[in-house]
Amino acid sequence: MGPAEHDALAVRERLFHQRVRESLICTLLFVSLYLLCHFIITRFKKHTDFAEVHNDEDAAVNRIALALCTFTLAVSLGAVLLLPFSIISNEVLLCFPHSYYMQWLNGSLVHGLWNLVFLFSNMSLVFLMPFAYFFTESEGFAGSKKGIMARVYETSVVLLLLTLLVLGMVWVALALVDQDAASRESLHGGCCRGAGGSAACSAPMGSPCLPAALWQCYLPYLYSCLSLLGVLLLLLCTPFGLSTMFTVTGKLLVKPRLLEDLDEQLSCTRFEEASVSRHL
């Protein structure tokens, strides 16, 4: 084996070990977040009626919905903690640039975590959360055999129809927002163009490039719209939540009496005593 082949083998081996290390770290982080979120949900969730009844089908549906909600909460918590983790890992590498035990906090790991969080957040937002809701509400098609699979079939059909409806609404919204002729032609069965009229988002309606256009343009646009709605809902609900929290806290806590005037209280007590004595 020559020096060139030995160097190439060393590079491949280093890349293999790096990929295995990153996979293990991502798996351990996600398992930790999943266990934490499972504890939080099981601690605060309400006990439903079918949880008390010994029904295997309803119990299985409840467990599946709980697993999907736990997965979604773990992804959300990972998305929240990802930016502080990136900042802290960068500061640790700057403080210990030559430490062998800190080299696993590299840019490849952070970049991989960002990609995984973006992928799982889209999947949770578009598929898992609606599937969990429709799955708990489903009972199977009329005339079909009852069971878990009947609920899965009904939920899949409803979710498919909802996905087509939402994608159609996003397609029409994009065509109306863009002011060029190609976007207006897409409403009449012409070409499919994404935001900004970019060539990467253009595809004929019957071409195999349409899934790529959906993935590159429509799904990010849909994710941005849903994120905007979430931010607006957060800005609307945060003041009410803070006011309720302070109201409840004020009722539970005992107000301090350090700044009260004792002479004024004594005079008020004397006036009350004098008033009571006059009435007697």
C-alpha atoms as a PDB file:
ATOM      1  CA  MET A   1       0.000   0.000   0.000  1.00  0.00           C
ATOM      2  CA  GLY A   2       1.464   3.308  -1.094  1.00  0.00           C
ATOM      3  CA  PRO A   3       1.528   6.567   0.884  1.00  0.00           C
ATOM      4  CA  ALA A   4      -1.320   8.047  -1.154  1.00  0.00           C
ATOM      5  CA  GLU A   5      -3.582   5.060  -0.521  1.00  0.00           C
ATOM      6  CA  HIS A   6      -2.643   5.089   3.155  1.00  0.00           C
ATOM      7  CA  ASP A   7      -3.548   8.789   3.434  1.00  0.00           C
ATOM      8  CA  ALA A   8      -6.868   8.234   1.625  1.00  0.00           C
ATOM      9  CA  LEU A   9      -7.670   5.327   3.960  1.00  0.00           C
ATOM     10  CA  ALA A  10      -6.819   7.468   7.000  1.00  0.00           C
ATOM     11  CA  VAL A  11      -9.106  10.238   5.750  1.00  0.00           C
ATOM     12  CA  ARG A  12     -11.987   7.792   5.168  1.00  0.00           C
ATOM     13  CA  GLU A  13     -11.447   6.254   8.583  1.00  0.00           C
ATOM     14  CA  ARG A  14     -11.467   9.675  10.245  1.00  0.00           C
ATOM     15  CA  LEU A  15     -14.678  10.639   8.424  1.00  0.00           C
ATOM     16  CA  PHE A  16     -16.268   7.339   9.430  1.00  0.00           C
ATOM     17  CA  HIS A  17     -15.428   7.811  13.103  1.00  0.00           C
ATOM     18  CA  GLN A  18     -16.635  11.421  12.960  1.00  0.00           C
ATOM     19  CA  ARG A  19     -19.958  10.355  11.447  1.00  0.00           C
ATOM     20  CA  VAL A  20     -20.410   7.611  14.053  1.00  0.00           C
ATOM     21  CA  ARG A  21     -19.587  10.054  16.866  1.00  0.00           C
ATOM     22  CA  GLU A  22     -22.054  12.640  15.583  1.00  0.00           C
ATOM     23  CA  SER A  23     -24.771   9.998  15.193  1.00  0.00           C
ATOM     24  CA  LEU A  24     -24.242   8.796  18.760  1.00  0.00           C
ATOM     25  CA  ILE A  25     -24.292  12.337  20.144  1.00  0.00           C
ATOM     26  CA  CYS A  26     -27.464  13.237  18.248  1.00  0.00           C
ATOM     27  CA  THR A  27     -29.138  10.012  19.377  1.00  0.00           C
ATOM     28  CA  LEU A  28     -28.202  10.544  23.027  1.00  0.00           C
ATOM     29  CA  LEU A  29     -29.376  14.164  22.952  1.00  0.00           C
ATOM     30  CA  PHE A  30     -32.693  13.232  21.375  1.00  0.00           C
ATOM     31  CA  VAL A  31     -33.273  10.333  23.775  1.00  0.00           C
ATOM     32  CA  SER A  32     -32.591  12.649  26.717  1.00  0.00           C
ATOM     33  CA  LEU A  33     -35.018  15.260  25.379  1.00  0.00           C
ATOM     34  CA  TYR A  34     -37.613  12.573  24.646  1.00  0.00           C
ATOM     35  CA  LEU A  35     -37.449  11.190  28.188  1.00  0.00           C
ATOM     36  CA  LEU A  36     -37.678  14.687  29.654  1.00  0.00           C
ATOM     37  CA  CYS A  37     -40.675  15.576  27.476  1.00  0.00           C
ATOM     38  CA  HIS A  38     -42.359  12.251  28.283  1.00  0.00           C
ATOM     39  CA  PHE A  39     -42.006  13.009  31.989  1.00  0.00           C
ATOM     40  CA  ILE A  40     -43.421  16.528  31.484  1.00  0.00           C
ATOM     41  CA  ILE A  41     -46.424  15.365  29.452  1.00  0.00           C
ATOM     42  CA  THR A  42     -47.279  12.462  31.757  1.00  0.00           C
ATOM     43  CA  ARG A  43     -46.926  14.783  34.746  1.00  0.00           C
ATOM     44  CA  PHE A  44     -49.305  17.488  33.497  1.00  0.00           C
ATOM     45  CA  LYS A  45     -51.680  15.709  31.108  1.00  0.00           C
ATOM     46  CA  LYS A  46     -55.247  15.138  32.195  1.00  0.00           C
ATOM     47  CA  HIS A  47     -56.523  11.613  32.729  1.00  0.00           C
ATOM     48  CA  THR A  48     -59.135  11.034  30.048  1.00  0.00           C
ATOM     49  CA  ASP A  49     -62.187   8.869  30.400  1.00  0.00           C
ATOM     50  CA  PHE A  50     -60.975   6.060  28.172  1.00  0.00           C
ATOM     51  CA  ALA A  51     -57.787   5.783  30.203  1.00  0.00           C
ATOM     52  CA  GLU A  52     -59.864   4.484  33.094  1.00  0.00           C
ATOM     53  CA  VAL A  53     -61.818   2.012  30.958  1.00  0.00           C
ATOM     54  CA  HIS A  54     -60.113  -1.257  30.135  1.00  0.00           C
ATOM     55  CA  ASN A  55     -60.259  -0.846  26.339  1.00  0.00           C
ATOM     56  CA  ASP A  56     -57.212  -2.103  24.496  1.00  0.00           C
ATOM     57  CA  GLU A  57     -57.937  -0.196  21.268  1.00  0.00           C
ATOM     58  CA  ASP A  58     -58.451   3.178  22.941  1.00  0.00           C
ATOM     59  CA  ALA A  59     -55.436   2.597  25.157  1.00  0.00           C
ATOM     60  CA  ALA A  60     -53.264   1.818  22.120  1.00  0.00           C
ATOM     61  CA  VAL A  61     -54.534   4.957  20.352  1.00  0.00           C
ATOM     62  CA  ASN A  62     -53.761   6.981  23.471  1.00  0.00           C
ATOM     63  CA  ARG A  63     -50.226   5.588  23.654  1.00  0.00           C
ATOM     64  CA  ILE A  64     -49.542   6.297  19.971  1.00  0.00           C
ATOM     65  CA  ALA A  65     -50.843   9.858  20.256  1.00  0.00           C
ATOM     66  CA  LEU A  66     -48.777  10.345  23.418  1.00  0.00           C
ATOM     67  CA  ALA A  67     -45.639   9.133  21.632  1.00  0.00           C
ATOM     68  CA  LEU A  68     -46.243  11.505  18.694  1.00  0.00           C
ATOM     69  CA  CYS A  69     -46.862  14.464  21.003  1.00  0.00           C
ATOM     70  CA  THR A  70     -43.757  13.609  23.013  1.00  0.00           C
ATOM     71  CA  PHE A  71     -41.693  13.452  19.830  1.00  0.00           C
ATOM     72  CA  THR A  72     -43.039  16.836  18.717  1.00  0.00           C
ATOM     73  CA  LEU A  73     -42.329  18.416  22.101  1.00  0.00           C
ATOM     74  CA  ALA A  74     -38.797  16.982  22.086  1.00  0.00           C
ATOM     75  CA  VAL A  75     -38.170  18.491  18.638  1.00  0.00           C
ATOM     76  CA  SER A  76     -39.545  21.840  19.789  1.00  0.00           C
ATOM     77  CA  LEU A  77     -37.378  21.812  22.895  1.00  0.00           C
ATOM     78  CA  GLY A  78     -34.357  20.877  20.773  1.00  0.00           C
ATOM     79  CA  ALA A  79     -35.092  23.789  18.428  1.00  0.00           C
ATOM     80  CA  VAL A  80     -35.253  26.166  21.405  1.00  0.00           C
ATOM     81  CA  LEU A  81     -32.006  24.871  22.930  1.00  0.00           C
ATOM     82  CA  LEU A  82     -30.108  24.642  19.649  1.00  0.00           C
ATOM     83  CA  LEU A  83     -29.025  28.280  19.489  1.00  0.00           C
ATOM     84  CA  PRO A  84     -27.688  28.367  23.093  1.00  0.00           C
ATOM     85  CA  PHE A  85     -25.945  25.045  22.440  1.00  0.00           C
ATOM     86  CA  SER A  86     -24.273  26.489  19.338  1.00  0.00           C
ATOM     87  CA  ILE A  87     -23.107  29.588  21.215  1.00  0.00           C
ATOM     88  CA  ILE A  88     -21.821  27.615  24.201  1.00  0.00           C
ATOM     89  CA  SER A  89     -19.993  25.082  22.000  1.00  0.00           C
ATOM     90  CA  ASN A  90     -18.304  27.911  20.099  1.00  0.00           C
ATOM     91  CA  GLU A  91     -17.201  29.577  23.337  1.00  0.00           C
ATOM     92  CA  VAL A  92     -15.889  26.282  24.712  1.00  0.00           C
ATOM     93  CA  LEU A  93     -13.830  25.711  21.565  1.00  0.00           C
ATOM     94  CA  LEU A  94     -12.448  29.242  21.819  1.00  0.00           C
ATOM     95  CA  CYS A  95     -11.502  28.712  25.460  1.00  0.00           C
ATOM     96  CA  PHE A  96      -9.971  25.257  24.888  1.00  0.00           C
ATOM     97  CA  PRO A  97      -8.719  25.242  21.278  1.00  0.00           C
ATOM     98  CA  HIS A  98      -6.154  22.462  21.805  1.00  0.00           C
ATOM     99  CA  SER A  99      -8.151  20.216  24.129  1.00  0.00           C
ATOM    100  CA  TYR A 100      -8.631  16.711  22.763  1.00  0.00           C
ATOM    101  CA  TYR A 101     -11.820  16.160  24.795  1.00  0.00           C
ATOM    102  CA  MET A 102     -13.559  19.233  23.348  1.00  0.00           C
ATOM    103  CA  GLN A 103     -12.955  18.592  19.650  1.00  0.00           C
ATOM    104  CA  TRP A 104     -16.284  16.797  19.275  1.00  0.00           C
ATOM    105  CA  LEU A 105     -17.987  20.208  19.616  1.00  0.00           C
ATOM    106  CA  ASN A 106     -17.176  21.105  16.025  1.00  0.00           C
ATOM    107  CA  GLY A 107     -19.040  22.854  13.255  1.00  0.00           C
ATOM    108  CA  SER A 108     -20.034  19.591  11.595  1.00  0.00           C
ATOM    109  CA  LEU A 109     -21.972  18.495  14.679  1.00  0.00           C
ATOM    110  CA  VAL A 110     -23.776  21.831  15.002  1.00  0.00           C
ATOM    111  CA  HIS A 111     -24.595  21.890  11.290  1.00  0.00           C
ATOM    112  CA  GLY A 112     -25.953  18.356  11.484  1.00  0.00           C
ATOM    113  CA  LEU A 113     -28.086  19.264  14.486  1.00  0.00           C
ATOM    114  CA  TRP A 114     -29.522  22.266  12.645  1.00  0.00           C
ATOM    115  CA  ASN A 115     -30.412  20.089   9.642  1.00  0.00           C
ATOM    116  CA  LEU A 116     -32.047  17.424  11.822  1.00  0.00           C
ATOM    117  CA  VAL A 117     -34.044  19.978  13.808  1.00  0.00           C
ATOM    118  CA  PHE A 118     -35.259  21.671  10.617  1.00  0.00           C
ATOM    119  CA  LEU A 119     -36.262  18.323   9.099  1.00  0.00           C
ATOM    120  CA  PHE A 120     -38.035  17.022  12.209  1.00  0.00           C
ATOM    121  CA  SER A 121     -39.751  20.343  12.895  1.00  0.00           C
ATOM    122  CA  ASN A 122     -41.230  20.383   9.381  1.00  0.00           C
ATOM    123  CA  MET A 123     -42.279  16.755   9.723  1.00  0.00           C
ATOM    124  CA  SER A 124     -43.848  17.357  13.140  1.00  0.00           C
ATOM    125  CA  LEU A 125     -45.619  20.531  12.073  1.00  0.00           C
ATOM    126  CA  VAL A 126     -47.028  19.209   8.795  1.00  0.00           C
ATOM    127  CA  PHE A 127     -47.633  15.505   9.524  1.00  0.00           C
ATOM    128  CA  LEU A 128     -47.201  14.297  13.111  1.00  0.00           C
ATOM    129  CA  MET A 129     -49.321  16.795  15.047  1.00  0.00           C
ATOM    130  CA  PRO A 130     -52.293  16.674  12.621  1.00  0.00           C
ATOM    131  CA  PHE A 131     -51.982  12.881  12.496  1.00  0.00           C
ATOM    132  CA  ALA A 132     -52.058  12.639  16.296  1.00  0.00           C
ATOM    133  CA  TYR A 133     -55.159  14.831  16.500  1.00  0.00           C
ATOM    134  CA  PHE A 134     -57.076  13.096  13.715  1.00  0.00           C
ATOM    135  CA  PHE A 135     -56.000   9.684  15.019  1.00  0.00           C
ATOM    136  CA  THR A 136     -57.514  10.314  18.452  1.00  0.00           C
ATOM    137  CA  GLU A 137     -60.736  11.606  16.853  1.00  0.00           C
ATOM    138  CA  SER A 138     -61.079   8.844  14.228  1.00  0.00           C
ATOM    139  CA  GLU A 139     -63.364   5.825  14.552  1.00  0.00           C
ATOM    140  CA  GLY A 140     -62.876   4.138  11.188  1.00  0.00           C
ATOM    141  CA  PHE A 141     -64.903   4.343   8.002  1.00  0.00           C
ATOM    142  CA  ALA A 142     -68.548   3.355   8.094  1.00  0.00           C
ATOM    143  CA  GLY A 143     -68.938  -0.317   7.310  1.00  0.00           C
ATOM    144  CA  SER A 144     -65.272  -1.161   7.797  1.00  0.00           C
ATOM    145  CA  LYS A 145     -63.905  -3.532  10.400  1.00  0.00           C
ATOM    146  CA  LYS A 146     -63.156  -1.844  13.681  1.00  0.00           C
ATOM    147  CA  GLY A 147     -59.587  -1.741  14.902  1.00  0.00           C
ATOM    148  CA  ILE A 148     -56.376   0.236  14.901  1.00  0.00           C
ATOM    149  CA  MET A 149     -55.817  -0.117  11.149  1.00  0.00           C
ATOM    150  CA  ALA A 150     -59.278   1.255  10.370  1.00  0.00           C
ATOM    151  CA  ARG A 151     -58.421   4.367  12.355  1.00  0.00           C
ATOM    152  CA  VAL A 152     -55.041   4.591  10.621  1.00  0.00           C
ATOM    153  CA  TYR A 153     -56.723   4.427   7.186  1.00  0.00           C
ATOM    154  CA  GLU A 154     -59.256   7.110   8.065  1.00  0.00           C
ATOM    155  CA  THR A 155     -56.601   9.350   9.581  1.00  0.00           C
ATOM    156  CA  SER A 156     -54.335   8.937   6.541  1.00  0.00           C
ATOM    157  CA  VAL A 157     -57.139   9.848   4.139  1.00  0.00           C
ATOM    158  CA  VAL A 158     -58.166  12.902   6.162  1.00  0.00           C
ATOM    159  CA  LEU A 159     -54.554  14.011   6.480  1.00  0.00           C
ATOM    160  CA  LEU A 160     -53.999  13.566   2.738  1.00  0.00           C
ATOM    161  CA  LEU A 161     -57.055  15.670   1.936  1.00  0.00           C
ATOM    162  CA  LEU A 162     -55.949  18.341   4.411  1.00  0.00           C
ATOM    163  CA  THR A 163     -52.438  18.374   2.905  1.00  0.00           C
ATOM    164  CA  LEU A 164     -53.837  18.807  -0.612  1.00  0.00           C
ATOM    165  CA  LEU A 165     -56.113  21.604   0.601  1.00  0.00           C
ATOM    166  CA  VAL A 166     -53.295  23.456   2.360  1.00  0.00           C
ATOM    167  CA  LEU A 167     -50.884  23.036  -0.570  1.00  0.00           C
ATOM    168  CA  GLY A 168     -53.563  24.313  -2.931  1.00  0.00           C
ATOM    169  CA  MET A 169     -54.164  27.362  -0.759  1.00  0.00           C
ATOM    170  CA  VAL A 170     -50.409  28.048  -0.576  1.00  0.00           C
ATOM    171  CA  TRP A 171     -50.107  27.627  -4.353  1.00  0.00           C
ATOM    172  CA  VAL A 172     -52.927  30.115  -4.970  1.00  0.00           C
ATOM    173  CA  ALA A 173     -51.478  32.542  -2.407  1.00  0.00           C
ATOM    174  CA  LEU A 174     -48.053  32.416  -4.051  1.00  0.00           C
ATOM    175  CA  ALA A 175     -49.565  32.946  -7.478  1.00  0.00           C
ATOM    176  CA  LEU A 176     -51.541  35.955  -6.229  1.00  0.00           C
ATOM    177  CA  VAL A 177     -48.618  37.507  -4.334  1.00  0.00           C
ATOM    178  CA  ASP A 178     -46.195  37.365  -7.284  1.00  0.00           C
ATOM    179  CA  GLN A 179     -46.939  40.029  -9.843  1.00  0.00           C
ATOM    180  CA  ASP A 180     -45.334  38.407 -12.884  1.00  0.00           C
ATOM    181  CA  ALA A 181     -47.162  36.748 -15.752  1.00  0.00           C
ATOM    182  CA  ALA A 182     -45.827  33.240 -15.042  1.00  0.00           C
ATOM    183  CA  SER A 183     -47.360  33.215 -11.575  1.00  0.00           C
ATOM    184  CA  ARG A 184     -50.728  34.254 -12.971  1.00  0.00           C
ATOM    185  CA  GLU A 185     -50.475  31.576 -15.652  1.00  0.00           C
ATOM    186  CA  SER A 186     -49.970  28.929 -12.954  1.00  0.00           C
ATOM    187  CA  LEU A 187     -53.550  29.532 -11.844  1.00  0.00           C
ATOM    188  CA  HIS A 188     -54.730  28.508 -15.317  1.00  0.00           C
ATOM    189  CA  GLY A 189     -52.694  25.300 -15.552  1.00  0.00           C
ATOM    190  CA  GLY A 190     -49.485  26.790 -16.840  1.00  0.00           C
ATOM    191  CA  CYS A 191     -46.187  26.470 -14.991  1.00  0.00           C
ATOM    192  CA  CYS A 192     -45.595  26.214 -11.295  1.00  0.00           C
ATOM    193  CA  ARG A 193     -43.382  28.984  -9.938  1.00  0.00           C
ATOM    194  CA  GLY A 194     -42.321  29.622  -6.417  1.00  0.00           C
ATOM    195  CA  ALA A 195     -41.708  32.767  -4.486  1.00  0.00           C
ATOM    196  CA  GLY A 196     -39.627  35.294  -6.318  1.00  0.00           C
ATOM    197  CA  GLY A 197     -40.081  33.558  -9.688  1.00  0.00           C
ATOM    198  CA  SER A 198     -36.796  31.645  -9.362  1.00  0.00           C
ATOM    199  CA  ALA A 199     -35.881  29.078 -11.974  1.00  0.00           C
ATOM    200  CA  ALA A 200     -35.329  26.401  -9.333  1.00  0.00           C
ATOM    201  CA  CYS A 201     -38.969  26.715  -8.323  1.00  0.00           C
ATOM    202  CA  SER A 202     -40.365  26.540 -11.849  1.00  0.00           C
ATOM    203  CA  ALA A 203     -41.804  23.287 -13.087  1.00  0.00           C
ATOM    204  CA  PRO A 204     -44.624  22.329 -15.464  1.00  0.00           C
ATOM    205  CA  MET A 205     -47.658  20.958 -13.729  1.00  0.00           C
ATOM    206  CA  GLY A 206     -47.171  17.442 -15.068  1.00  0.00           C
ATOM    207  CA  SER A 207     -43.396  17.231 -14.917  1.00  0.00           C
ATOM    208  CA  PRO A 208     -41.386  15.136 -12.461  1.00  0.00           C
ATOM    209  CA  CYS A 209     -39.741  18.354 -11.223  1.00  0.00           C
ATOM    210  CA  LEU A 210     -42.925  19.342  -9.421  1.00  0.00           C
ATOM    211  CA  PRO A 211     -42.036  17.463  -6.157  1.00  0.00           C
ATOM    212  CA  ALA A 212     -38.685  19.275  -6.103  1.00  0.00           C
ATOM    213  CA  ALA A 213     -40.478  22.589  -6.549  1.00  0.00           C
ATOM    214  CA  LEU A 214     -42.849  21.689  -3.721  1.00  0.00           C
ATOM    215  CA  TRP A 215     -39.945  20.783  -1.435  1.00  0.00           C
ATOM    216  CA  GLN A 216     -37.824  23.829  -2.326  1.00  0.00           C
ATOM    217  CA  CYS A 217     -40.507  26.531  -2.463  1.00  0.00           C
ATOM    218  CA  TYR A 218     -43.961  25.641  -1.219  1.00  0.00           C
ATOM    219  CA  LEU A 219     -43.046  23.752   1.949  1.00  0.00           C
ATOM    220  CA  PRO A 220     -40.591  26.449   3.190  1.00  0.00           C
ATOM    221  CA  TYR A 221     -43.182  29.091   2.370  1.00  0.00           C
ATOM    222  CA  LEU A 222     -45.822  27.113   4.276  1.00  0.00           C
ATOM    223  CA  TYR A 223     -43.403  26.685   7.194  1.00  0.00           C
ATOM    224  CA  SER A 224     -42.743  30.440   7.205  1.00  0.00           C
ATOM    225  CA  CYS A 225     -46.466  31.231   7.209  1.00  0.00           C
ATOM    226  CA  LEU A 226     -47.157  28.843  10.075  1.00  0.00           C
ATOM    227  CA  SER A 227     -44.188  30.231  11.993  1.00  0.00           C
ATOM    228  CA  LEU A 228     -45.541  33.763  11.482  1.00  0.00           C
ATOM    229  CA  LEU A 229     -48.941  32.686  12.805  1.00  0.00           C
ATOM    230  CA  GLY A 230     -47.249  31.083  15.814  1.00  0.00           C
ATOM    231  CA  VAL A 231     -45.286  34.251  16.572  1.00  0.00           C
ATOM    232  CA  LEU A 232     -48.442  36.377  16.303  1.00  0.00           C
ATOM    233  CA  LEU A 233     -50.285  33.975  18.605  1.00  0.00           C
ATOM    234  CA  LEU A 234     -47.375  34.150  21.064  1.00  0.00           C
ATOM    235  CA  LEU A 235     -47.398  37.957  21.026  1.00  0.00           C
ATOM    236  CA  LEU A 236     -51.166  37.930  21.573  1.00  0.00           C
ATOM    237  CA  CYS A 237     -51.249  35.386  24.385  1.00  0.00           C
ATOM    238  CA  THR A 238     -48.121  36.432  26.306  1.00  0.00           C
ATOM    239  CA  PRO A 239     -49.625  39.602  27.911  1.00  0.00           C
ATOM    240  CA  PHE A 240     -52.730  37.697  29.028  1.00  0.00           C
ATOM    241  CA  GLY A 241     -50.589  34.916  30.429  1.00  0.00           C
ATOM    242  CA  LEU A 242     -48.350  37.311  32.312  1.00  0.00           C
ATOM    243  CA  SER A 243     -51.309  39.216  33.756  1.00  0.00           C
ATOM    244  CA  THR A 244     -52.939  35.966  34.885  1.00  0.00           C
ATOM    245  CA  MET A 245     -49.672  34.749  36.390  1.00  0.00           C
ATOM    246  CA  PHE A 246     -49.155  37.953  38.360  1.00  0.00           C
ATOM    247  CA  THR A 247     -52.799  37.928  39.507  1.00  0.00           C
ATOM    248  CA  VAL A 248     -52.548  34.366  40.809  1.00  0.00           C
ATOM    249  CA  THR A 249     -49.171  35.081  42.399  1.00  0.00           C
ATOM    250  CA  GLY A 250     -50.551  38.180  44.119  1.00  0.00           C
ATOM    251  CA  LYS A 251     -53.407  36.142  45.580  1.00  0.00           C
ATOM    252  CA  LEU A 252     -51.117  33.413  46.878  1.00  0.00           C
ATOM    253  CA  LEU A 253     -48.376  35.592  48.357  1.00  0.00           C
ATOM    254  CA  VAL A 254     -48.768  37.559  51.580  1.00  0.00           C
ATOM    255  CA  LYS A 255     -48.126  41.257  51.126  1.00  0.00           C
ATOM    256  CA  PRO A 256     -45.368  42.663  53.371  1.00  0.00           C
ATOM    257  CA  ARG A 257     -46.292  45.143  56.055  1.00  0.00           C
ATOM    258  CA  LEU A 258     -42.939  46.850  56.366  1.00  0.00           C
ATOM    259  CA  LEU A 259     -44.051  50.223  54.992  1.00  0.00           C
ATOM    260  CA  GLU A 260     -47.257  50.564  56.996  1.00  0.00           C
ATOM    261  CA  ASP A 261     -47.653  53.487  59.428  1.00  0.00           C
ATOM    262  CA  LEU A 262     -48.249  52.125  62.939  1.00  0.00           C
ATOM    263  CA  ASP A 263     -49.339  55.488  64.358  1.00  0.00           C
ATOM    264  CA  GLU A 264     -52.073  55.726  61.742  1.00  0.00           C
ATOM    265  CA  GLN A 265     -53.255  52.232  62.603  1.00  0.00           C
ATOM    266  CA  LEU A 266     -53.319  53.096  66.324  1.00  0.00           C
ATOM    267  CA  SER A 267     -55.350  56.249  65.677  1.00  0.00           C
ATOM    268  CA  CYS A 268     -57.807  54.297  63.510  1.00  0.00           C
ATOM    269  CA  THR A 269     -58.142  51.701  66.258  1.00  0.00           C
ATOM    270  CA  ARG A 270     -58.848  54.438  68.858  1.00  0.00           C
ATOM    271  CA  PHE A 271     -61.527  56.001  66.640  1.00  0.00           C
ATOM    272  CA  GLU A 272     -63.169  52.627  66.156  1.00  0.00           C
ATOM    273  CA  GLU A 273     -63.071  51.969  69.903  1.00  0.00           C
ATOM    274  CA  ALA A 274     -64.580  55.373  70.589  1.00  0.00           C
ATOM    275  CA  SER A 275     -67.333  54.785  68.026  1.00  0.00           C
ATOM    276  CA  VAL A 276     -68.189  51.401  69.493  1.00  0.00           C
ATOM    277  CA  SER A 277     -68.270  52.819  73.026  1.00  0.00           C
ATOM    278  CA  ARG A 278     -70.658  55.611  71.941  1.00  0.00           C
ATOM    279  CA  HIS A 279     -73.005  53.104  70.332  1.00  0.00           C
ATOM    280  CA  LEU A 280     -73.019  51.046  73.522  1.00  0.00           C
END
